[in-house]
Amino acid sequence: HWASTDHEENAFSPKQIDKCKLDAENYSVMKRSRVVEVLNLSADLS
């Protein structure tokens, strides 16, 4: 049994796909809140 085959199977397990989705969602949420911070800062400065 090859380790690479195991790895390929694991790479596409539902759990890991969910984690990728979660990471992407967390990232976009983080980016959005970061943009809001920047907008608030520039509003304060003006």
N, C-alpha and C. Protein backbone atom coordinates (compact mmCIF):
# COMPACT_ATOMS: atom_id res chain seq x y z
N HIS A 1 0.85 -1.20 0.00
CA HIS A 1 0.00 0.00 0.00
C HIS A 1 0.88 1.24 0.00
N TRP A 2 0.64 2.12 -0.95
CA TRP A 2 1.51 3.29 -1.09
C TRP A 2 1.03 4.44 -0.22
N ALA A 3 1.96 5.12 0.38
CA ALA A 3 1.62 6.26 1.23
C ALA A 3 0.98 7.37 0.41
N SER A 4 1.45 7.54 -0.82
CA SER A 4 0.92 8.62 -1.65
C SER A 4 -0.57 8.40 -1.94
N THR A 5 -0.97 7.13 -2.13
CA THR A 5 -2.38 6.85 -2.37
C THR A 5 -3.21 7.23 -1.15
N ASP A 6 -2.71 6.87 0.03
CA ASP A 6 -3.41 7.25 1.26
C ASP A 6 -3.56 8.76 1.33
N HIS A 7 -2.49 9.43 1.01
CA HIS A 7 -2.50 10.89 1.12
C HIS A 7 -3.54 11.49 0.18
N GLU A 8 -3.60 10.97 -1.04
CA GLU A 8 -4.56 11.50 -2.01
C GLU A 8 -5.99 11.29 -1.53
N GLU A 9 -6.25 10.10 -0.96
CA GLU A 9 -7.58 9.84 -0.43
C GLU A 9 -7.91 10.82 0.69
N ASN A 10 -6.95 11.01 1.59
CA ASN A 10 -7.17 11.90 2.72
C ASN A 10 -7.38 13.34 2.28
N ALA A 11 -6.72 13.73 1.21
CA ALA A 11 -6.78 15.12 0.78
C ALA A 11 -8.20 15.51 0.41
N PHE A 12 -9.00 14.54 -0.01
CA PHE A 12 -10.34 14.88 -0.46
C PHE A 12 -11.42 14.29 0.45
N SER A 13 -11.06 14.00 1.69
CA SER A 13 -12.06 13.52 2.63
C SER A 13 -13.01 14.67 2.96
N PRO A 14 -14.29 14.37 3.21
CA PRO A 14 -15.28 15.42 3.51
C PRO A 14 -14.82 16.35 4.62
N LYS A 15 -14.17 15.77 5.63
CA LYS A 15 -13.74 16.59 6.77
C LYS A 15 -12.78 17.68 6.30
N GLN A 16 -11.85 17.31 5.42
CA GLN A 16 -10.86 18.29 4.98
C GLN A 16 -11.47 19.32 4.04
N ILE A 17 -12.44 18.87 3.24
CA ILE A 17 -13.12 19.82 2.36
C ILE A 17 -13.90 20.82 3.21
N ASP A 18 -14.56 20.33 4.27
CA ASP A 18 -15.26 21.24 5.18
C ASP A 18 -14.30 22.23 5.79
N LYS A 19 -13.12 21.74 6.18
CA LYS A 19 -12.14 22.63 6.81
C LYS A 19 -11.70 23.70 5.82
N CYS A 20 -11.52 23.32 4.56
CA CYS A 20 -11.13 24.31 3.55
C CYS A 20 -12.22 25.36 3.40
N LYS A 21 -13.48 24.91 3.37
CA LYS A 21 -14.59 25.86 3.27
C LYS A 21 -14.61 26.79 4.47
N LEU A 22 -14.44 26.20 5.67
CA LEU A 22 -14.44 27.00 6.89
C LEU A 22 -13.32 28.03 6.84
N ASP A 23 -12.13 27.60 6.44
CA ASP A 23 -11.00 28.52 6.37
C ASP A 23 -11.30 29.66 5.41
N ALA A 24 -11.90 29.34 4.28
CA ALA A 24 -12.21 30.36 3.29
C ALA A 24 -13.24 31.34 3.85
N GLU A 25 -14.26 30.81 4.55
CA GLU A 25 -15.27 31.68 5.14
C GLU A 25 -14.65 32.57 6.21
N ASN A 26 -13.86 31.96 7.09
CA ASN A 26 -13.20 32.75 8.13
C ASN A 26 -12.35 33.84 7.52
N TYR A 27 -11.65 33.51 6.44
CA TYR A 27 -10.77 34.48 5.80
C TYR A 27 -11.58 35.65 5.24
N SER A 28 -12.69 35.37 4.57
CA SER A 28 -13.47 36.45 3.98
C SER A 28 -14.12 37.30 5.07
N VAL A 29 -14.53 36.66 6.18
CA VAL A 29 -15.08 37.42 7.30
C VAL A 29 -14.01 38.33 7.88
N MET A 30 -12.82 37.77 8.06
CA MET A 30 -11.71 38.56 8.59
C MET A 30 -11.41 39.75 7.67
N LYS A 31 -11.37 39.48 6.38
CA LYS A 31 -11.08 40.55 5.42
C LYS A 31 -12.15 41.64 5.51
N ARG A 32 -13.42 41.22 5.61
CA ARG A 32 -14.51 42.19 5.65
C ARG A 32 -14.39 43.07 6.90
N SER A 33 -14.14 42.45 8.06
CA SER A 33 -14.04 43.24 9.28
C SER A 33 -12.82 44.15 9.22
N ARG A 34 -11.78 43.68 8.55
CA ARG A 34 -10.57 44.50 8.40
C ARG A 34 -10.89 45.73 7.55
N VAL A 35 -11.66 45.54 6.49
CA VAL A 35 -12.04 46.67 5.63
C VAL A 35 -12.86 47.67 6.43
N VAL A 36 -13.77 47.17 7.26
CA VAL A 36 -14.59 48.06 8.09
C VAL A 36 -13.70 48.86 9.03
N GLU A 37 -12.70 48.20 9.62
CA GLU A 37 -11.76 48.90 10.50
C GLU A 37 -11.08 50.04 9.75
N VAL A 38 -10.61 49.75 8.55
CA VAL A 38 -9.89 50.76 7.76
C VAL A 38 -10.83 51.91 7.43
N LEU A 39 -12.07 51.60 7.05
CA LEU A 39 -13.03 52.66 6.73
C LEU A 39 -13.30 53.52 7.95
N ASN A 40 -13.47 52.88 9.11
CA ASN A 40 -13.71 53.63 10.34
C ASN A 40 -12.53 54.54 10.66
N LEU A 41 -11.32 54.01 10.47
CA LEU A 41 -10.13 54.81 10.74
C LEU A 41 -10.08 56.03 9.83
N SER A 42 -10.32 55.83 8.55
CA SER A 42 -10.24 56.96 7.63
C SER A 42 -11.37 57.95 7.91
N ALA A 43 -12.52 57.46 8.39
CA ALA A 43 -13.61 58.36 8.77
C ALA A 43 -13.18 59.20 9.98
N ASP A 44 -12.50 58.58 10.94
CA ASP A 44 -12.02 59.31 12.11
C ASP A 44 -11.02 60.39 11.70
N LEU A 45 -10.16 60.06 10.74
CA LEU A 45 -9.10 60.99 10.36
C LEU A 45 -9.66 62.21 9.64
N SER A 46 -10.71 62.04 8.87
CA SER A 46 -11.22 63.14 8.06
C SER A 46 -11.97 64.16 8.90
